[in-house]
Amino acid sequence: MWNGVSCSKRHPGRVVSLFLQSQGLVGLLSPNIGNLSFLRVIDLQNNTFSCLIPQEIGRLRRLQVIEFSNNSFGGGIPTNLSQCTSLYYLNLIDNKLTGGIVPEIASLVRLQHLGLSVNMLSGTIPPFLGNLTDLLRRSLGTCQFQGEIPESLTRLSRLWFLVMSDDGLTGSIPLGLFNPPSVEHFGFDFNRLNGNIPVDICSTLPKLRRLYLNYNNFSGALPASLSNSSLIESIEVGAVLTDLVGLTSLLADTNNLKGLIPSSIGKLHNLQYITIHENRLTNEKPFSLGNLTLLNALSLALNNLSGSIPQSLANCTNLSELNLSYNNFSGLIPPEIIKLSSISIGLDLSHNVLTGTIPSEVGALRNLGYMDLSHNRLSGTIPPSLGSCVMLSLLHLERNSFQGEIPDSLRALRGLEYLDLSQNNLSGVIPRFLVEISG
């Protein structure tokens, strides 16, 4: 008996399963696989099989499970799979398959799991997939599909995992796809979809845990119904939020979302990551965010936010990255934030209308990797305490109104790779240590 090979007890010598995952196997899959007529399960995931999946696999009428993910199989999906009428699990994710979804797949009426993501499959999503009404999990993302989502897919009422991310899909999501009551994972991000997100999305998807709709062209208001769910763990689209107490990540970047950032977001005390950049959000004081003491990263860049930067963000003592760039924030940089020593990845306040000086408390950012304060109306001298930010690799101070000389303390920034002080009112000579750093 070989490891990973199981034989039938009723029919000795007849192989019924091959569990050969992660064995370092390479080359082609022999057409002789079709001779194992009692085979029910074949698991070859995480190897380096290449070339075509042999058509002979269609001889395996008893086959129930095909697990070929994370290999390098090429060519098309074998049409002879239509003969494997007992198949309920087909996973071809992360290969190099080409062509379209072959119509023979429609014969696999017992299929519950269909995984075709991360391939080079193309064409449109075929309407016949809507006939596979036993499907529980369907993953078609990260391929080269195009066109609209067929209305027939709304017949898949048993789905709990529905992902078609990172394709070239256009049009709107059929409303019926927001109705399967068992859906927990709903992902259509990184497409070119449009329309509105249904206002009752959490009423129609009561078991929803993960929602991914970012990087599309959705418009309209954020659905208030999401506030009725206590199950949601991660959102990448945005929502009116009140009772999502388990939420740890909120990502809604690169959409056309507009309106106010709700003050109720400050009640989500488990939030660690918020990314809502590149939208049309407005609010002078959207910062009940200062209540989120576990927050690790906050990006509100490329919106229409205005007013002063709230001092309450200094309560976010776990914050490692803060990006408020490309907004209309005005007034002074709060010293309480600039001395938040937890900020270690980056601080980006560029492209606003901030005034005043850089607070001397900036020296507390000893572990900061990059700082961008460019394209503001800052003035005064560059504070010598900036030399205490010894981990800086990028420093952007261009397009302000700084005066005076470049402080000698900057010689301590031995890891500095990029420094831009252009278009200010600096005077004096270029310090020799800048030449030494560049060398």
Protein backbone atom coordinates (compact mmCIF):
# COMPACT_ATOMS: atom_id res chain seq x y z
CA MET A 1 0.00 0.00 0.00
CA TRP A 2 1.34 3.41 -0.96
CA ASN A 3 0.90 6.59 1.07
CA GLY A 4 -2.12 8.54 -0.12
CA VAL A 5 -3.56 5.61 -2.09
CA SER A 6 -6.66 3.85 -0.74
CA CYS A 7 -8.30 0.74 -2.11
CA SER A 8 -11.80 -0.63 -1.83
CA LYS A 9 -12.57 -3.09 0.97
CA ARG A 10 -15.31 -4.73 -1.08
CA HIS A 11 -13.15 -4.89 -4.20
CA PRO A 12 -9.52 -5.46 -3.11
CA GLY A 13 -6.95 -3.96 -5.45
CA ARG A 14 -9.36 -1.36 -6.79
CA VAL A 15 -8.15 2.18 -6.06
CA VAL A 16 -10.93 4.42 -4.71
CA SER A 17 -9.00 7.51 -3.61
CA LEU A 18 -5.75 9.33 -4.33
CA PHE A 19 -4.69 11.87 -1.70
CA LEU A 20 -1.39 13.15 -3.09
CA GLN A 21 -1.53 16.83 -2.16
CA SER A 22 1.74 18.73 -1.54
CA GLN A 23 3.99 15.87 -2.65
CA GLY A 24 6.23 17.89 -5.00
CA LEU A 25 4.86 16.02 -8.01
CA VAL A 26 5.66 17.46 -11.45
CA GLY A 27 5.00 16.77 -15.12
CA LEU A 28 1.83 15.60 -16.79
CA LEU A 29 -1.06 13.61 -15.40
CA SER A 30 -1.03 10.27 -17.23
CA PRO A 31 -4.04 9.43 -19.40
CA ASN A 32 -3.95 6.06 -17.62
CA ILE A 33 -5.78 7.78 -14.78
CA GLY A 34 -8.88 6.89 -16.79
CA ASN A 35 -8.30 3.19 -16.07
CA LEU A 36 -9.01 3.61 -12.33
CA SER A 37 -12.69 2.97 -12.84
CA PHE A 38 -13.48 2.71 -9.12
CA LEU A 39 -11.88 6.06 -8.30
CA ARG A 40 -14.10 8.37 -6.23
CA VAL A 41 -11.65 10.99 -4.97
CA ILE A 42 -8.54 12.44 -6.61
CA ASP A 43 -6.69 15.16 -4.69
CA LEU A 44 -3.53 16.50 -6.35
CA GLN A 45 -3.61 20.04 -4.96
CA ASN A 46 -0.44 22.02 -4.36
CA ASN A 47 1.86 20.19 -6.78
CA THR A 48 3.33 21.26 -10.12
CA PHE A 49 1.38 19.23 -12.64
CA SER A 50 1.35 20.88 -16.07
CA CYS A 51 0.07 20.25 -19.60
CA LEU A 52 -3.54 19.28 -20.18
CA ILE A 53 -5.96 17.59 -17.84
CA PRO A 54 -6.45 14.32 -19.76
CA GLN A 55 -9.83 13.76 -21.40
CA GLU A 56 -9.64 10.18 -20.12
CA ILE A 57 -10.71 11.49 -16.72
CA GLY A 58 -14.22 11.40 -18.20
CA ARG A 59 -14.18 7.60 -17.97
CA LEU A 60 -14.37 7.80 -14.18
CA ARG A 61 -18.13 7.47 -13.77
CA ARG A 62 -17.84 6.99 -9.98
CA LEU A 63 -15.70 10.09 -9.46
CA GLN A 64 -17.13 12.47 -6.85
CA VAL A 65 -14.23 14.80 -5.97
CA ILE A 66 -11.60 16.46 -8.18
CA GLU A 67 -9.17 18.66 -6.26
CA PHE A 68 -6.52 20.03 -8.67
CA SER A 69 -6.00 23.51 -7.20
CA ASN A 70 -2.59 25.19 -7.09
CA ASN A 71 -0.95 23.39 -10.01
CA SER A 72 -0.04 24.49 -13.53
CA PHE A 73 -2.58 22.61 -15.62
CA GLY A 74 -3.14 24.34 -18.96
CA GLY A 75 -5.46 24.09 -21.91
CA GLY A 76 -9.21 24.01 -21.61
CA ILE A 77 -11.55 22.45 -19.10
CA PRO A 78 -11.97 18.82 -20.26
CA THR A 79 -15.28 18.39 -22.06
CA ASN A 80 -15.44 14.71 -21.04
CA LEU A 81 -16.08 15.80 -17.46
CA SER A 82 -19.72 15.68 -18.49
CA GLN A 83 -19.49 11.89 -18.10
CA CYS A 84 -18.57 12.22 -14.40
CA THR A 85 -22.20 12.50 -13.39
CA SER A 86 -21.50 11.69 -9.71
CA LEU A 87 -19.16 14.66 -9.35
CA TYR A 88 -20.13 17.06 -6.59
CA TYR A 89 -16.77 18.80 -5.96
CA LEU A 90 -14.66 20.34 -8.74
CA ASN A 91 -11.78 22.61 -7.76
CA LEU A 92 -9.43 23.83 -10.51
CA ILE A 93 -8.45 27.08 -8.78
CA ASP A 94 -4.98 28.55 -9.41
CA ASN A 95 -3.91 26.87 -12.62
CA LYS A 96 -3.29 28.09 -16.17
CA LEU A 97 -6.53 27.00 -17.80
CA THR A 98 -7.66 28.87 -20.91
CA GLY A 99 -10.78 29.12 -23.01
CA GLY A 100 -14.30 29.43 -21.67
CA ILE A 101 -16.47 27.54 -19.24
CA VAL A 102 -17.44 24.59 -21.42
CA PRO A 103 -21.17 23.80 -21.82
CA GLU A 104 -20.54 20.22 -20.72
CA ILE A 105 -20.31 21.52 -17.15
CA ALA A 106 -24.09 21.87 -17.30
CA SER A 107 -24.35 18.05 -17.11
CA LEU A 108 -22.86 18.02 -13.61
CA VAL A 109 -26.21 18.54 -11.92
CA ARG A 110 -24.95 17.22 -8.54
CA LEU A 111 -22.16 19.80 -8.35
CA GLN A 112 -22.00 21.59 -5.00
CA HIS A 113 -18.54 23.18 -5.23
CA LEU A 114 -17.24 24.85 -8.38
CA GLY A 115 -13.83 26.54 -8.15
CA LEU A 116 -12.38 28.08 -11.32
CA SER A 117 -10.72 31.21 -9.91
CA VAL A 118 -7.16 32.34 -10.67
CA ASN A 119 -6.94 30.97 -14.20
CA MET A 120 -6.83 32.51 -17.67
CA LEU A 121 -10.38 31.57 -18.52
CA SER A 122 -12.21 34.07 -20.69
CA GLY A 123 -15.48 34.79 -22.42
CA THR A 124 -18.76 35.49 -20.68
CA ILE A 125 -20.29 33.82 -17.64
CA PRO A 126 -22.57 31.19 -19.24
CA PRO A 127 -26.26 31.28 -18.26
CA PHE A 128 -26.35 27.47 -17.92
CA LEU A 129 -24.53 27.76 -14.58
CA GLY A 130 -27.89 28.80 -13.20
CA ASN A 131 -29.09 25.22 -13.77
CA LEU A 132 -26.62 23.83 -11.20
CA THR A 133 -29.09 24.43 -8.42
CA ASP A 134 -27.24 22.25 -5.87
CA LEU A 135 -24.27 24.64 -5.85
CA LEU A 136 -23.21 25.75 -2.37
CA ARG A 137 -19.90 27.36 -3.26
CA ARG A 138 -18.99 29.08 -6.52
CA SER A 139 -15.68 30.84 -7.09
CA LEU A 140 -14.99 32.37 -10.51
CA GLY A 141 -12.75 35.31 -9.60
CA THR A 142 -9.40 36.48 -10.98
CA CYS A 143 -9.95 35.27 -14.52
CA GLN A 144 -10.51 37.16 -17.76
CA PHE A 145 -14.28 36.99 -17.99
CA GLN A 146 -16.25 39.88 -19.38
CA GLY A 147 -19.79 40.98 -19.99
CA GLU A 148 -22.75 41.02 -17.65
CA ILE A 149 -23.75 38.64 -14.88
CA PRO A 150 -26.52 36.39 -16.23
CA GLU A 151 -29.91 36.66 -14.58
CA SER A 152 -30.14 32.86 -14.47
CA LEU A 153 -27.62 32.75 -11.60
CA THR A 154 -30.35 34.03 -9.31
CA ARG A 155 -31.73 30.45 -9.29
CA LEU A 156 -28.79 29.30 -7.15
CA SER A 157 -30.70 29.58 -3.90
CA ARG A 158 -28.45 27.27 -1.83
CA LEU A 159 -25.21 29.26 -2.23
CA TRP A 160 -23.23 30.26 0.85
CA PHE A 161 -20.01 31.31 -0.95
CA LEU A 162 -20.41 33.57 -3.98
CA VAL A 163 -17.24 35.14 -5.40
CA MET A 164 -16.67 36.65 -8.85
CA SER A 165 -13.95 39.14 -7.93
CA ASP A 166 -11.29 40.63 -10.21
CA ASP A 167 -12.93 39.79 -13.52
CA GLY A 168 -14.02 42.23 -16.22
CA LEU A 169 -17.70 42.14 -15.36
CA THR A 170 -19.94 45.06 -16.31
CA GLY A 171 -23.53 46.10 -15.76
CA SER A 172 -25.26 45.62 -12.43
CA ILE A 173 -25.52 42.70 -10.04
CA PRO A 174 -28.92 41.02 -10.58
CA LEU A 175 -31.09 41.77 -7.56
CA GLY A 176 -31.85 38.08 -7.12
CA LEU A 177 -28.21 37.42 -6.21
CA PHE A 178 -28.80 39.43 -3.04
CA ASN A 179 -31.48 36.93 -1.98
CA PRO A 180 -29.91 33.49 -1.27
CA PRO A 181 -30.53 33.24 2.49
CA SER A 182 -27.45 31.11 3.19
CA VAL A 183 -24.83 33.43 1.64
CA GLU A 184 -22.01 34.22 4.08
CA HIS A 185 -19.30 35.38 1.67
CA PHE A 186 -20.34 37.79 -1.12
CA GLY A 187 -17.55 39.11 -3.35
CA PHE A 188 -17.76 41.09 -6.60
CA ASP A 189 -14.87 43.49 -5.97
CA PHE A 190 -12.41 44.65 -8.66
CA ASN A 191 -14.89 44.69 -11.54
CA ARG A 192 -16.66 47.45 -13.46
CA LEU A 193 -20.09 46.96 -11.97
CA ASN A 194 -22.49 49.83 -11.35
CA GLY A 195 -25.85 50.58 -9.81
CA ASN A 196 -26.90 50.85 -6.18
CA ILE A 197 -26.28 48.52 -3.28
CA PRO A 198 -29.74 47.31 -2.13
CA VAL A 199 -30.93 49.13 0.96
CA ASP A 200 -32.18 45.87 2.51
CA ILE A 201 -29.03 43.85 1.80
CA CYS A 202 -28.75 42.48 5.33
CA SER A 203 -32.41 41.54 5.45
CA THR A 204 -32.09 39.47 2.29
CA LEU A 205 -28.66 38.08 3.28
CA PRO A 206 -29.19 37.43 7.00
CA LYS A 207 -26.09 35.21 7.39
CA LEU A 208 -23.69 37.60 5.65
CA ARG A 209 -20.21 37.70 7.21
CA ARG A 210 -17.97 39.11 4.48
CA LEU A 211 -18.98 41.65 1.84
CA TYR A 212 -16.56 42.70 -0.93
CA LEU A 213 -17.84 45.23 -3.48
CA ASN A 214 -14.99 47.74 -3.65
CA TYR A 215 -13.23 48.86 -6.85
CA ASN A 216 -16.42 49.17 -8.86
CA ASN A 217 -18.63 52.06 -9.92
CA PHE A 218 -21.40 51.76 -7.37
CA SER A 219 -23.21 54.94 -6.45
CA GLY A 220 -25.83 56.16 -4.04
CA ALA A 221 -26.07 56.06 -0.28
CA LEU A 222 -24.50 53.47 1.99
CA PRO A 223 -27.09 50.85 3.00
CA ALA A 224 -28.42 51.43 6.49
CA SER A 225 -29.62 47.81 6.71
CA LEU A 226 -26.07 46.68 7.42
CA SER A 227 -26.52 48.13 10.88
CA ASN A 228 -28.92 45.28 11.70
CA SER A 229 -26.26 42.57 11.43
CA SER A 230 -24.07 41.40 14.29
CA LEU A 231 -22.45 38.63 12.18
CA ILE A 232 -20.45 40.74 9.72
CA GLU A 233 -16.69 40.42 10.16
CA SER A 234 -15.35 42.33 7.16
CA ILE A 235 -16.78 44.88 4.73
CA GLU A 236 -15.05 46.26 1.66
CA VAL A 237 -17.65 48.74 0.44
CA GLY A 238 -18.84 50.89 3.31
CA ALA A 239 -22.02 51.01 5.32
CA VAL A 240 -24.13 52.94 7.79
CA LEU A 241 -22.85 51.23 10.88
CA THR A 242 -24.21 50.90 14.38
CA ASP A 243 -24.40 47.34 15.65
CA LEU A 244 -21.62 45.61 13.67
CA VAL A 245 -19.77 45.00 16.89
CA GLY A 246 -17.61 42.20 15.49
CA LEU A 247 -16.30 44.22 12.54
CA THR A 248 -12.50 44.44 12.41
CA SER A 249 -11.97 45.75 8.84
CA LEU A 250 -13.91 48.31 6.82
CA LEU A 251 -12.70 48.87 3.27
CA ALA A 252 -14.72 50.89 0.77
CA ASP A 253 -12.03 52.41 -1.41
CA THR A 254 -12.37 53.47 -5.05
CA ASN A 255 -16.13 53.78 -5.40
CA ASN A 256 -18.52 56.69 -5.90
CA LEU A 257 -19.83 56.68 -2.35
CA LYS A 258 -21.01 60.05 -1.11
CA GLY A 259 -22.52 61.67 1.93
CA LEU A 260 -21.35 61.76 5.52
CA ILE A 261 -19.15 59.33 7.36
CA PRO A 262 -21.61 58.20 10.06
CA SER A 263 -20.82 59.12 13.64
CA SER A 264 -22.02 55.65 14.66
CA ILE A 265 -18.77 54.25 13.29
CA GLY A 266 -17.21 55.27 16.60
CA LYS A 267 -19.20 52.51 18.32
CA LEU A 268 -17.37 49.75 16.44
CA HIS A 269 -14.67 49.32 19.03
CA ASN A 270 -13.12 46.25 17.38
CA LEU A 271 -12.22 48.06 14.17
CA GLN A 272 -8.53 47.84 13.30
CA TYR A 273 -8.43 48.85 9.63
CA ILE A 274 -10.44 51.56 7.87
CA THR A 275 -9.82 52.35 4.22
CA ILE A 276 -12.40 54.58 2.53
CA HIS A 277 -10.14 56.47 0.16
CA GLU A 278 -11.06 57.69 -3.32
CA ASN A 279 -14.76 58.38 -2.85
CA ARG A 280 -16.84 61.57 -2.54
CA LEU A 281 -17.42 61.55 1.18
CA THR A 282 -17.92 64.84 2.97
CA ASN A 283 -18.04 65.85 6.60
CA GLU A 284 -16.36 68.56 8.60
CA LYS A 285 -16.10 66.44 11.73
CA PRO A 286 -16.42 62.72 10.97
CA PHE A 287 -14.27 61.79 13.88
CA SER A 288 -16.00 59.71 16.41
CA LEU A 289 -13.14 57.67 14.94
CA GLY A 290 -11.13 58.84 17.92
CA ASN A 291 -13.09 56.30 19.97
CA LEU A 292 -11.51 53.40 18.06
CA THR A 293 -8.57 52.71 20.31
CA LEU A 294 -7.66 49.44 18.51
CA LEU A 295 -7.38 51.19 15.14
CA ASN A 296 -4.15 50.27 13.36
CA ALA A 297 -4.57 51.89 9.94
CA LEU A 298 -6.79 54.76 8.77
CA SER A 299 -6.98 55.99 5.18
CA LEU A 300 -9.52 58.64 4.18
CA ALA A 301 -7.50 60.01 1.27
CA LEU A 302 -9.03 61.39 -1.92
CA ASN A 303 -12.37 62.52 -0.52
CA ASN A 304 -13.95 65.92 0.15
CA LEU A 305 -13.38 66.04 3.90
CA SER A 306 -12.82 69.47 5.42
CA GLY A 307 -12.41 71.30 8.69
CA SER A 308 -9.57 70.81 11.12
CA ILE A 309 -7.88 67.49 11.79
CA PRO A 310 -9.50 66.38 15.06
CA GLN A 311 -7.29 66.04 18.11
CA SER A 312 -9.35 63.02 19.18
CA LEU A 313 -7.36 60.84 16.78
CA ALA A 314 -4.62 60.99 19.39
CA ASN A 315 -6.72 58.49 21.35
CA CYS A 316 -5.92 55.88 18.69
CA THR A 317 -2.74 54.82 20.43
CA ASN A 318 -2.32 51.70 18.26
CA LEU A 319 -2.36 53.65 15.01
CA SER A 320 0.60 52.74 12.79
CA GLU A 321 -0.50 54.42 9.55
CA LEU A 322 -2.53 57.59 8.97
CA ASN A 323 -3.44 58.91 5.51
CA LEU A 324 -5.66 61.99 5.22
CA SER A 325 -4.17 63.25 1.96
CA TYR A 326 -6.04 64.86 -0.95
CA ASN A 327 -8.83 66.43 1.08
CA ASN A 328 -9.62 69.96 2.24
CA PHE A 329 -8.43 69.78 5.82
CA SER A 330 -7.36 73.19 7.14
CA GLY A 331 -5.90 74.74 10.26
CA LEU A 332 -2.92 73.57 12.28
CA ILE A 333 -1.42 70.09 12.51
CA PRO A 334 -2.48 68.94 16.00
CA PRO A 335 0.61 68.33 18.18
CA GLU A 336 -1.32 65.54 19.91
CA ILE A 337 -1.31 63.55 16.65
CA ILE A 338 2.15 64.41 15.43
CA LYS A 339 3.61 62.98 18.65
CA LEU A 340 1.64 59.72 18.45
CA SER A 341 4.64 57.43 18.76
CA SER A 342 2.74 54.35 17.53
CA ILE A 343 2.72 55.74 13.98
CA SER A 344 5.48 53.72 12.37
CA ILE A 345 4.49 52.90 8.78
CA GLY A 346 3.56 56.31 7.47
CA LEU A 347 1.97 59.72 8.01
CA ASP A 348 0.46 61.39 4.95
CA LEU A 349 -1.27 64.77 5.32
CA SER A 350 -0.34 66.02 1.86
CA HIS A 351 -2.55 67.94 -0.57
CA ASN A 352 -4.67 69.76 1.99
CA VAL A 353 -4.71 73.43 3.08
CA LEU A 354 -2.96 73.03 6.42
CA THR A 355 -1.26 76.09 7.88
CA GLY A 356 1.12 76.92 10.69
CA THR A 357 4.32 75.11 11.54
CA ILE A 358 5.35 71.49 11.93
CA PRO A 359 4.98 70.93 15.69
CA SER A 360 8.27 70.24 17.46
CA GLU A 361 6.61 67.11 18.92
CA VAL A 362 7.31 65.43 15.56
CA GLY A 363 10.48 64.06 17.12
CA ALA A 364 8.39 61.47 18.94
CA LEU A 365 7.90 59.58 15.66
CA ARG A 366 11.17 57.69 16.03
CA ASN A 367 9.97 54.62 14.11
CA LEU A 368 8.22 56.43 11.26
CA GLY A 369 8.95 55.04 7.79
CA TYR A 370 7.62 57.84 5.59
CA MET A 371 6.18 61.32 6.06
CA ASP A 372 4.41 63.43 3.45
CA LEU A 373 3.33 66.97 4.38
CA SER A 374 3.72 68.35 0.86
CA HIS A 375 1.28 70.59 -1.02
CA ASN A 376 -0.03 72.51 1.99
CA ARG A 377 0.47 76.05 3.30
CA LEU A 378 2.84 75.22 6.12
CA SER A 379 5.40 77.82 7.14
CA GLY A 380 8.09 78.56 9.71
CA THR A 381 11.31 76.64 9.92
CA ILE A 382 11.85 72.91 9.58
CA PRO A 383 12.01 71.79 13.23
CA PRO A 384 15.37 70.35 14.38
CA SER A 385 13.42 67.64 16.24
CA LEU A 386 12.68 66.08 12.84
CA GLY A 387 16.17 64.64 13.09
CA SER A 388 14.91 62.29 15.81
CA CYS A 389 12.78 60.41 13.25
CA VAL A 390 15.75 58.17 12.55
CA MET A 391 13.83 55.46 10.65
CA LEU A 392 12.57 57.81 7.92
CA SER A 393 13.21 56.62 4.39
CA LEU A 394 10.97 59.12 2.54
CA LEU A 395 10.35 62.75 3.52
CA HIS A 396 8.17 65.05 1.40
CA LEU A 397 7.93 68.71 2.42
CA GLU A 398 7.71 70.27 -1.03
CA ARG A 399 5.25 73.02 -2.08
CA ASN A 400 4.92 74.77 1.26
CA SER A 401 6.32 78.05 2.59
CA PHE A 402 9.09 76.84 4.89
CA GLN A 403 11.83 79.36 5.65
CA GLY A 404 15.29 79.39 7.09
CA GLU A 405 18.06 76.85 6.72
CA ILE A 406 17.92 73.09 6.43
CA PRO A 407 18.59 71.98 10.03
CA ASP A 408 21.85 70.18 10.71
CA SER A 409 19.96 67.63 12.82
CA LEU A 410 18.72 65.93 9.64
CA ARG A 411 22.17 64.38 9.34
CA ALA A 412 20.88 61.73 11.77
CA LEU A 413 18.49 60.39 9.13
CA ARG A 414 20.96 57.86 7.84
CA GLY A 415 18.28 55.67 6.19
CA LEU A 416 16.76 58.49 4.17
CA GLU A 417 16.29 57.48 0.52
CA TYR A 418 14.13 60.32 -0.79
CA LEU A 419 13.99 63.94 0.35
CA ASP A 420 11.98 66.65 -1.41
CA LEU A 421 12.19 70.21 -0.10
CA SER A 422 11.47 71.91 -3.43
CA GLN A 423 9.30 75.01 -3.91
CA ASN A 424 9.69 76.46 -0.43
CA ASN A 425 11.47 79.64 0.76
CA LEU A 426 14.52 77.96 2.28
CA SER A 427 17.80 79.84 2.45
CA GLY A 428 21.44 79.17 3.21
CA VAL A 429 23.63 76.51 1.68
CA ILE A 430 22.91 72.86 0.94
CA PRO A 431 24.41 71.00 3.93
CA ARG A 432 27.28 68.69 3.16
CA PHE A 433 25.66 65.86 5.10
CA LEU A 434 22.95 65.59 2.41
CA VAL A 435 25.66 64.69 -0.07
CA GLU A 436 27.04 62.15 2.42
CA ILE A 437 23.59 60.57 2.90
CA SER A 438 23.06 60.26 -0.85
CA GLY A 439 26.41 58.56 -1.17
